[in-house]
Protein backbone atom coordinates (compact mmCIF):
# COMPACT_ATOMS: atom_id res chain seq x y z
CA MET A 1 39.66 139.34 -122.63
CA ARG A 2 37.26 136.77 -122.40
CA LEU A 3 39.24 134.66 -124.62
CA TRP A 4 42.21 134.94 -122.20
CA THR A 5 39.94 134.15 -119.25
CA VAL A 6 38.88 130.94 -120.80
CA LEU A 7 42.43 130.17 -121.76
CA ALA A 8 43.93 130.80 -118.06
CA GLY A 9 40.99 128.76 -116.63
CA GLY A 10 41.57 125.86 -119.00
CA LEU A 11 45.16 125.80 -118.49
CA ALA A 12 44.83 125.96 -114.61
CA ALA A 13 42.19 123.00 -115.05
CA ALA A 14 44.71 121.07 -117.19
CA THR A 15 47.43 121.56 -114.27
CA ALA A 16 45.11 120.10 -111.89
CA VAL A 17 44.48 117.16 -114.25
CA ALA A 18 48.13 116.57 -114.39
CA ALA A 19 48.77 117.07 -110.90
CA GLY A 20 45.82 114.55 -109.97
CA ILE A 21 47.36 111.89 -112.30
CA ALA A 22 50.60 112.35 -110.77
CA ILE A 23 49.18 112.15 -107.17
CA GLY A 24 46.30 109.68 -107.62
CA GLY A 25 46.70 108.00 -110.88
CA THR A 26 50.18 106.49 -110.94
CA THR A 27 51.83 103.78 -108.80
CA SER A 28 55.54 104.42 -109.31
CA MET A 29 57.99 107.45 -109.19
CA GLY A 30 58.91 107.64 -112.78
CA PRO A 31 55.42 108.41 -113.93
CA LEU A 32 54.53 110.61 -110.95
CA PHE A 33 57.58 112.70 -111.79
CA ALA A 34 56.85 112.85 -115.46
CA TRP A 35 53.16 114.05 -114.77
CA TYR A 36 54.45 116.52 -112.08
CA LEU A 37 56.68 117.93 -114.74
CA ALA A 38 53.71 118.32 -117.03
CA ALA A 39 51.91 119.94 -114.29
CA TRP A 40 54.68 122.57 -113.87
CA ALA A 41 54.71 123.22 -117.55
CA LEU A 42 50.97 123.75 -117.78
CA PHE A 43 51.14 125.94 -114.59
CA THR A 44 53.71 128.20 -116.20
CA ALA A 45 51.65 128.65 -119.34
CA ALA A 46 48.46 129.15 -117.01
CA ALA A 47 50.19 131.83 -114.97
CA TRP A 48 51.35 133.64 -117.96
CA ALA A 49 47.79 133.59 -119.74
CA LEU A 50 46.57 135.08 -116.41
CA ARG A 51 48.50 138.21 -117.03
CA ARG A 52 45.80 139.25 -119.74
CA VAL A 53 42.70 138.37 -117.48
CA PRO A 54 40.69 141.30 -115.98
CA PRO A 55 41.39 141.61 -112.27
CA ARG A 56 37.90 141.09 -111.10
CA HIS A 57 37.81 137.80 -113.13
CA ALA A 58 41.64 136.84 -112.38
CA ALA A 59 40.88 137.02 -108.34
CA VAL A 60 38.08 134.62 -108.74
CA LEU A 61 39.94 132.33 -111.13
CA VAL A 62 43.08 132.18 -108.86
CA LEU A 63 41.06 131.01 -105.89
CA ALA A 64 38.85 128.58 -107.92
CA GLY A 65 42.19 127.15 -109.60
CA GLY A 66 43.86 127.08 -106.17
CA ALA A 67 41.06 124.93 -104.76
CA LEU A 68 40.91 122.50 -107.61
CA ILE A 69 44.76 122.09 -108.15
CA GLY A 70 45.32 121.71 -104.45
CA GLY A 71 42.48 119.57 -104.02
CA THR A 72 44.06 116.90 -106.07
CA GLY A 73 46.40 116.26 -103.07
CA LEU A 74 43.27 114.72 -101.43
CA LEU A 75 43.19 111.94 -103.95
CA ALA A 76 45.81 109.51 -102.21
CA ALA A 77 47.41 108.83 -99.22
CA PRO A 78 50.98 110.81 -98.81
CA ARG A 79 52.98 109.79 -101.98
CA THR A 80 56.53 110.88 -101.45
CA SER A 81 56.95 111.39 -97.69
CA ASP A 82 55.89 109.55 -94.60
CA ASP A 83 56.34 112.69 -92.26
CA ALA A 84 52.46 113.16 -91.91
CA TYR A 85 52.38 109.87 -89.79
CA ARG A 86 54.50 111.54 -87.23
CA TYR A 87 52.32 114.36 -87.15
CA VAL A 88 49.42 112.11 -86.66
CA TRP A 89 51.27 110.43 -83.57
CA ASP A 90 52.58 113.54 -82.02
CA GLY A 91 49.00 114.87 -82.12
CA ARG A 92 47.63 111.84 -80.59
CA VAL A 93 50.23 111.77 -77.89
CA GLN A 94 49.48 115.31 -76.75
CA ALA A 95 45.80 114.55 -76.73
CA ALA A 96 46.85 111.78 -74.12
CA GLY A 97 48.35 114.49 -72.13
CA ILE A 98 51.88 113.48 -72.78
CA SER A 99 54.60 115.82 -74.00
CA PRO A 100 55.75 114.65 -77.78
CA TYR A 101 59.35 115.26 -76.70
CA ASP A 102 59.31 112.97 -73.90
CA HIS A 103 58.99 109.53 -75.53
CA VAL A 104 59.88 107.98 -79.07
CA PRO A 105 57.16 106.31 -80.86
CA ALA A 106 58.55 102.77 -80.31
CA ASP A 107 58.43 103.32 -76.36
CA PRO A 108 56.50 100.58 -74.51
CA ALA A 109 55.03 103.27 -72.26
CA LEU A 110 52.97 104.46 -75.20
CA ARG A 111 51.74 101.08 -76.28
CA GLY A 112 48.03 101.99 -75.46
CA LEU A 113 48.08 104.72 -77.95
CA ARG A 114 48.99 102.35 -80.92
CA ASP A 115 46.64 101.20 -83.55
CA GLU A 116 46.52 99.58 -87.16
CA SER A 117 46.73 102.87 -88.86
CA LEU A 118 50.04 103.64 -87.58
CA PHE A 119 51.26 100.25 -86.37
CA PRO A 120 49.99 97.80 -88.83
CA SER A 121 50.31 93.95 -88.18
CA ALA A 122 52.40 92.64 -90.83
CA PRO A 123 54.87 89.66 -91.32
CA ASP A 124 57.48 92.10 -92.43
CA CYS A 125 58.06 95.88 -92.48
CA ALA A 126 58.25 96.33 -96.39
CA GLY A 127 57.48 99.92 -96.93
CA MET A 128 57.24 100.70 -93.52
CA TRP A 129 59.84 101.18 -90.47
CA ASP A 130 61.03 98.64 -88.07
CA ALA A 131 60.33 99.83 -84.71
CA GLY A 132 62.26 96.96 -82.89
CA GLY A 133 60.27 93.93 -83.34
CA PHE A 134 57.22 95.42 -85.07
CA CYS A 135 56.25 97.69 -87.91
CA THR A 136 55.10 101.22 -88.02
CA ARG A 137 54.22 104.09 -90.75
CA ILE A 138 56.00 106.69 -88.40
CA ASN A 139 59.40 107.51 -89.50
CA ARG A 140 62.46 107.25 -87.28
CA PRO A 141 60.33 105.36 -84.43
CA THR A 142 63.14 105.15 -82.13
CA VAL A 143 64.15 109.02 -81.89
CA PRO A 144 62.24 112.02 -80.38
CA THR A 145 60.14 114.32 -82.70
CA ILE A 146 62.09 117.13 -84.23
CA TYR A 147 59.25 119.57 -84.64
CA PRO A 148 59.11 123.02 -83.00
CA PRO A 149 56.15 124.14 -80.66
CA VAL A 150 53.77 125.89 -83.03
CA ALA A 151 53.97 122.82 -85.30
CA GLU A 152 53.21 120.45 -82.47
CA ALA A 153 50.24 122.81 -81.36
CA TYR A 154 49.17 122.45 -84.98
CA PHE A 155 49.21 118.56 -84.97
CA LEU A 156 47.26 118.54 -81.56
CA ALA A 157 44.49 120.97 -83.26
CA VAL A 158 44.25 118.73 -86.52
CA HIS A 159 43.91 115.79 -84.27
CA LEU A 160 41.08 117.17 -82.31
CA ALA A 161 39.33 118.48 -85.50
CA ALA A 162 39.74 114.99 -87.12
CA GLY A 163 37.97 113.64 -83.86
CA ALA A 164 35.16 115.99 -84.16
CA THR A 165 34.53 115.48 -88.04
CA GLY A 166 34.95 111.74 -88.17
CA LEU A 167 38.02 112.20 -90.56
CA ASP A 168 41.07 109.98 -90.20
CA GLY A 169 44.30 111.56 -89.16
CA ILE A 170 46.18 111.73 -92.47
CA THR A 171 43.01 113.08 -94.46
CA ALA A 172 42.55 115.65 -91.71
CA LEU A 173 46.11 116.90 -92.14
CA GLN A 174 45.56 116.92 -95.95
CA ALA A 175 42.55 119.10 -95.48
CA ALA A 176 44.45 121.42 -93.06
CA GLY A 177 47.08 121.74 -95.57
CA LEU A 178 44.59 122.79 -98.33
CA LEU A 179 42.97 125.25 -96.05
CA ALA A 180 46.49 126.74 -95.09
CA ALA A 181 47.35 126.79 -98.76
CA LEU A 182 44.16 128.70 -99.67
CA GLY A 183 44.87 131.08 -96.70
CA THR A 184 48.36 131.95 -98.09
CA ALA A 185 46.91 132.51 -101.45
CA LEU A 186 44.22 135.00 -100.09
CA VAL A 187 47.14 136.73 -98.24
CA VAL A 188 49.21 137.37 -101.45
CA LEU A 189 45.81 138.13 -103.24
CA ARG A 190 45.17 140.98 -100.90
CA ALA A 191 48.62 142.10 -100.75
CA ARG A 192 49.91 141.97 -104.16
CA GLY A 193 46.87 140.94 -106.57
CA PRO A 194 46.01 138.00 -108.60
CA GLY A 195 48.98 137.43 -110.73
CA PRO A 196 51.38 136.96 -107.85
CA ALA A 197 48.66 134.86 -105.88
CA ALA A 198 48.55 132.39 -108.77
CA LEU A 199 52.35 131.82 -108.33
CA TRP A 200 51.55 130.09 -105.25
CA ALA A 201 47.83 129.00 -105.49
CA TRP A 202 48.38 127.36 -108.94
CA CYS A 203 51.88 125.66 -108.15
CA PRO A 204 51.84 122.02 -108.47
CA ALA A 205 54.39 121.82 -105.53
CA ILE A 206 51.28 122.99 -103.33
CA ALA A 207 49.13 120.03 -104.43
CA LEU A 208 52.04 117.69 -103.76
CA GLU A 209 53.93 119.00 -100.71
CA ALA A 210 51.36 121.13 -98.90
CA VAL A 211 48.18 118.87 -99.40
CA ASN A 212 49.22 115.42 -100.36
CA ASN A 213 52.39 115.12 -98.03
CA ALA A 214 50.68 117.44 -95.60
CA HIS A 215 53.97 119.01 -94.76
CA ALA A 216 54.05 121.36 -91.74
CA ASP A 217 56.04 123.66 -93.94
CA VAL A 218 52.77 125.07 -95.41
CA LEU A 219 51.84 126.43 -91.94
CA ALA A 220 55.26 128.19 -91.66
CA ALA A 221 54.81 129.48 -95.27
CA LEU A 222 51.47 130.89 -94.18
CA LEU A 223 52.67 132.66 -90.98
CA THR A 224 55.83 133.98 -92.91
CA VAL A 225 54.04 135.20 -95.95
CA ALA A 226 51.54 137.01 -93.65
CA ALA A 227 54.38 138.31 -91.50
CA PHE A 228 56.01 139.87 -94.65
CA ALA A 229 52.64 141.18 -95.87
CA ALA A 230 52.05 142.91 -92.70
CA ALA A 231 55.70 144.28 -92.11
CA ALA A 232 55.81 147.33 -94.39
CA ARG A 233 52.74 148.91 -92.62
CA ARG A 234 52.61 147.01 -89.40
CA PRO A 235 56.18 146.05 -88.59
CA ARG A 236 55.53 144.82 -85.06
CA ALA A 237 52.53 142.68 -86.18
CA GLY A 238 54.88 141.27 -88.91
CA GLY A 239 57.45 140.52 -86.17
CA ALA A 240 55.10 138.53 -84.09
CA LEU A 241 53.83 136.35 -87.09
CA LEU A 242 57.28 135.77 -88.22
CA GLY A 243 58.11 134.48 -84.74
CA ALA A 244 55.40 132.10 -85.02
CA GLY A 245 56.48 131.08 -88.47
CA ILE A 246 59.84 130.24 -87.04
CA ALA A 247 58.27 128.24 -84.09
CA ALA A 248 56.25 126.26 -86.83
CA LYS A 249 59.32 125.36 -88.98
CA LEU A 250 62.86 126.73 -88.23
CA LEU A 251 63.79 127.57 -91.72
CA PRO A 252 61.91 131.13 -91.77
CA ALA A 253 64.49 132.11 -89.08
CA VAL A 254 66.61 132.88 -92.11
CA THR A 255 64.30 135.65 -93.04
CA VAL A 256 64.60 137.75 -89.93
CA PRO A 257 67.23 140.11 -91.38
CA ALA A 258 64.90 141.10 -94.17
CA LEU A 259 62.58 142.83 -91.56
CA LEU A 260 65.74 145.43 -91.40
CA ALA A 261 65.48 146.17 -95.33
CA GLY A 262 66.71 149.86 -95.70
CA ALA A 263 66.89 150.08 -91.92
CA ARG A 264 68.02 153.82 -90.93
CA LYS A 265 66.77 154.24 -87.42
CA PRO A 266 67.38 152.23 -84.18
CA ARG A 267 63.77 151.30 -83.74
CA ALA A 268 64.17 149.25 -86.89
CA VAL A 269 65.33 146.36 -84.71
CA VAL A 270 62.20 146.00 -82.84
CA PRO A 271 60.42 143.76 -85.37
CA PRO A 272 63.26 141.35 -85.62
CA ALA A 273 63.61 141.49 -81.82
CA ILE A 274 59.84 140.57 -81.35
CA ALA A 275 60.16 137.78 -83.98
CA LEU A 276 62.76 136.13 -81.98
CA ALA A 277 61.05 136.68 -78.58
CA VAL A 278 57.74 135.21 -79.98
CA ALA A 279 59.64 132.20 -81.25
CA ALA A 280 61.46 131.75 -77.81
CA ALA A 281 58.15 132.28 -75.90
CA THR A 282 56.36 129.51 -77.72
CA TYR A 283 58.82 127.06 -76.24
CA ILE A 284 57.99 127.96 -72.66
CA PRO A 285 54.87 125.92 -72.35
CA TYR A 286 56.35 122.78 -73.76
CA VAL A 287 59.66 123.21 -71.58
CA LEU A 288 57.44 123.36 -68.51
CA TRP A 289 55.39 120.38 -69.77
CA SER A 290 58.39 118.15 -70.85
CA ARG A 291 60.98 116.22 -68.93
CA GLY A 292 63.11 115.93 -72.25
CA SER A 293 64.81 118.35 -74.24
CA VAL A 294 62.35 120.41 -76.72
CA LEU A 295 64.98 120.11 -79.31
CA GLY A 296 64.26 116.61 -80.09
CA TYR A 297 66.17 115.12 -82.71
CA LEU A 298 67.23 118.31 -84.31
CA GLY A 299 70.86 117.60 -83.79
CA GLY A 300 70.59 113.95 -85.10
CA TYR A 301 68.77 115.22 -88.15
CA VAL A 302 71.31 117.61 -89.35
CA GLY A 303 74.09 114.81 -89.02
CA GLU A 304 71.89 112.19 -90.82
CA GLU A 305 71.01 114.67 -93.78
CA GLY A 306 74.75 115.10 -94.32
CA TYR A 307 75.43 118.56 -93.25
CA GLY A 308 78.18 117.34 -90.87
CA ASP A 309 79.90 115.34 -93.45
CA ALA A 310 79.00 116.74 -96.91
CA SER A 311 81.48 115.03 -98.90
CA GLY A 312 79.37 111.91 -98.88
CA SER A 313 76.16 113.52 -99.64
CA ASP A 314 74.48 115.95 -102.19
CA ARG A 315 74.32 118.73 -99.46
CA PHE A 316 76.28 121.86 -100.40
CA ALA A 317 76.45 120.25 -103.86
CA LEU A 318 77.07 123.62 -105.89
CA LEU A 319 79.83 124.78 -103.50
CA ARG A 320 81.48 121.64 -103.74
CA LEU A 321 81.49 121.81 -107.56
CA ALA A 322 83.18 125.31 -107.09
CA LEU A 323 85.90 124.38 -104.65
CA PRO A 324 89.05 122.18 -104.62
CA ALA A 325 88.56 118.75 -103.23
CA ALA A 326 90.62 119.80 -100.18
CA TRP A 327 88.18 122.25 -99.28
CA GLU A 328 85.25 119.88 -98.90
CA ARG A 329 85.22 120.02 -95.17
CA PRO A 330 82.08 120.74 -93.09
CA GLY A 331 83.54 123.67 -91.33
CA VAL A 332 84.71 125.38 -94.85
CA LEU A 333 81.20 124.60 -96.44
CA LEU A 334 79.35 125.95 -93.58
CA GLY A 335 81.76 129.11 -93.08
CA LEU A 336 81.21 129.95 -96.81
CA THR A 337 77.42 129.44 -96.47
CA LEU A 338 77.34 131.87 -93.60
CA ALA A 339 79.73 134.42 -95.32
CA VAL A 340 77.47 134.40 -98.35
CA LEU A 341 74.29 134.98 -96.25
CA ALA A 342 76.15 137.57 -94.31
CA LEU A 343 76.77 139.70 -97.54
CA VAL A 344 73.10 139.20 -98.71
CA THR A 345 72.07 140.47 -95.38
CA ALA A 346 74.40 143.22 -95.56
CA ALA A 347 73.10 144.31 -98.96
CA ILE A 348 69.54 144.08 -97.75
CA ILE A 349 70.01 146.18 -94.77
CA ALA A 350 71.93 148.82 -97.10
CA ARG A 351 69.97 148.98 -100.11
CA GLY A 352 66.64 147.00 -99.44
CA ASP A 353 63.25 148.69 -99.83
CA PRO A 354 61.36 148.98 -96.69
CA ALA A 355 58.22 148.95 -98.43
CA ARG A 356 59.18 145.56 -99.88
CA PRO A 357 60.63 143.60 -97.12
CA TRP A 358 59.55 140.31 -98.84
CA ASP A 359 62.27 141.00 -101.70
CA GLY A 360 65.07 140.36 -99.08
CA ALA A 361 63.16 137.39 -97.46
CA ALA A 362 62.82 135.64 -100.62
CA ALA A 363 66.67 136.26 -101.63
CA LEU A 364 67.73 134.87 -98.25
CA VAL A 365 65.69 131.72 -98.33
CA GLY A 366 66.66 131.39 -102.10
CA ALA A 367 70.44 131.75 -101.23
CA LEU A 368 70.14 129.25 -98.64
CA LEU A 369 68.59 126.77 -100.70
CA LEU A 370 71.30 127.14 -103.30
CA LEU A 371 74.07 127.04 -100.88
CA THR A 372 72.97 124.11 -98.92
CA THR A 373 71.05 122.20 -101.85
CA PRO A 374 68.41 120.24 -99.53
CA GLY A 375 67.04 116.84 -100.79
CA TYR A 376 63.64 117.33 -99.57
CA ALA A 377 61.39 119.36 -102.12
CA TRP A 378 59.04 120.64 -99.55
CA TYR A 379 61.61 122.88 -98.10
CA ALA A 380 60.87 124.99 -101.10
CA LEU A 381 57.19 125.93 -100.09
CA LEU A 382 58.50 128.70 -97.97
CA LEU A 383 60.54 130.21 -100.98
CA ILE A 384 57.50 129.71 -103.37
CA GLY A 385 55.26 131.57 -101.02
CA LEU A 386 57.70 134.47 -100.60
CA ALA A 387 58.42 134.60 -104.46
CA ALA A 388 54.51 135.02 -104.95
CA LEU A 389 54.52 137.85 -102.51
CA ALA A 390 57.55 139.44 -104.23
CA ALA A 391 56.07 138.65 -107.63
CA ARG A 392 59.45 137.12 -108.47
CA PRO A 393 58.81 133.99 -110.58
CA VAL A 394 62.24 133.26 -111.23
CA TRP A 395 62.67 131.97 -107.98
CA LEU A 396 60.42 129.09 -108.46
CA VAL A 397 62.89 127.37 -110.50
CA LEU A 398 64.22 126.30 -107.02
CA GLY A 399 61.15 124.69 -106.20
CA LEU A 400 61.22 122.42 -109.30
CA ALA A 401 64.78 121.74 -108.82
CA ALA A 402 64.33 120.68 -105.23
CA ALA A 403 61.71 118.07 -106.69
CA ALA A 404 64.65 116.53 -108.85
CA ALA A 405 65.62 114.12 -106.07
CA TYR A 406 62.40 112.32 -106.51
CA PRO A 407 63.53 110.03 -109.57
CA ALA A 408 66.49 109.02 -107.64
CA LEU A 409 68.79 109.30 -110.59
CA PRO A 410 72.41 109.85 -110.06
CA HIS A 411 73.43 113.56 -109.46
CA ALA A 412 69.96 114.55 -110.64
CA ALA A 413 69.40 116.89 -107.77
CA THR A 414 73.03 118.32 -108.26
CA ILE A 415 72.16 119.04 -111.87
CA ALA A 416 68.81 120.64 -111.20
CA TYR A 417 70.31 123.06 -108.70
CA ALA A 418 73.14 124.02 -111.05
CA LEU A 419 70.47 124.68 -113.90
CA ALA A 420 68.43 126.62 -111.34
CA ALA A 421 71.39 128.79 -110.40
CA ALA A 422 72.12 129.48 -113.92
CA VAL A 423 68.76 130.61 -114.59
CA LEU A 424 68.78 132.90 -111.65
CA ILE A 425 72.27 134.33 -112.44
CA ALA A 426 70.94 135.06 -116.10
CA ALA A 427 67.81 136.70 -114.59
CA GLY A 428 69.99 138.85 -112.33
CA ILE A 429 72.21 139.82 -114.99
CA ARG A 430 69.23 140.79 -117.19
CA VAL A 431 67.63 142.80 -114.55
CA ARG A 432 70.96 144.59 -113.98
CA HIS A 433 71.50 145.21 -117.73
CA GLY A 434 67.83 146.75 -118.04
CA ARG A 435 68.29 148.95 -115.00
CA ALA A 436 71.79 150.24 -116.54
CA SER A 437 70.19 150.80 -120.00
CA SER A 438 67.52 152.70 -118.46
CA PHE A 439 70.00 154.72 -116.64
CA VAL A 440 71.73 155.56 -119.77
CA ARG A 441 68.64 156.44 -121.72
CA ASP A 442 67.59 158.77 -118.70
CA ARG A 443 70.96 160.46 -118.79
CA HIS A 444 70.81 161.02 -122.24
CA THR A 445 67.33 162.39 -121.94
CA LEU A 446 68.16 164.78 -119.32
CA GLY A 447 71.22 165.91 -121.12
CA GLY A 448 69.25 166.62 -124.28
CA SER A 449 66.53 168.53 -122.64
């Protein structure tokens, strides 16, 4: 057993080295992605080896490895996303007593809040955004923020913490991402044990997306994983946590039906109702504070990402592969997506295990990612957290598939999602075949007794 402990620890350390080189030791996207793939391969081997490690050693190993791997995200400024700069700005604006929904970053009214870290003086805007005569690192500087209230409160809290500790805004966000990631690992560890916890804590996506890019999705993942970990025994607390998760990033809203897994009594609707009520309630302070819409750039973002005209983008890629060209219309694609999600929801309610609501949550998020094929890898953080809680490592293939957009190769993301779908279908067939074989064996045994 000591040999397996050393092996698992060594592989986790090797994962950290590969992730560290990807994040802090390369300057172009090609080598970054190559080392990132190597980190995923090492992570897979490390998670496999951990199964042979005694639980008392495995728990310590998971947390230490999670801190080491996640900590590699602190080695550089955000590598594959500039969202964190908008987070810094939104926190700064709120600290000045201004609603983040009322002004765009380029608004002259906020000129006094600009500094070199977010608005560098430069002869051109290479690698940055043009805010109309000046440069900024904040993405989409001429549109309002898109983030929900709990995320905005998080940005403010990190801004205040940065001021208290002397950290710059980006480093503070990365450190907060690492703490949230370790918090999620602790939740899974307590609920499900070290093996499932390692699926989250050691995953290279945590280092890159949750820590280095400091995406707010890690906060949503923490709240949602905590919600479903609590839901089986304390359903109302689970509903409240899920509501907060929805208000951190809207994606967790798709998991609400999973709170109804195996529902047989009318009171089963209480936790989902609490989740929606809490999510709505978080908007009230910002509605009262803001002059503009608290939905911000949400509608524009949906159109910008190609969900309104999927024929010209990689969205709904797998559906478009399976459909005639005449059906590649937004209404048809959206209708099919909703129909499939409705079928998954019905199956969860009818056949789900109320003691394992996380299974349905992972299935809903996984189905949504497969159907919509988003181009941003950090959307998979929520699924990785739920897959860990469900101890279903096969779902992690979608986390790797989502990262295929980084090399910017033609159709790479579509191919990756198609391969991930094939793996998931094969795994599903294997599970069903195993259950059928077990049923046949049980009947044979009973018949001969």
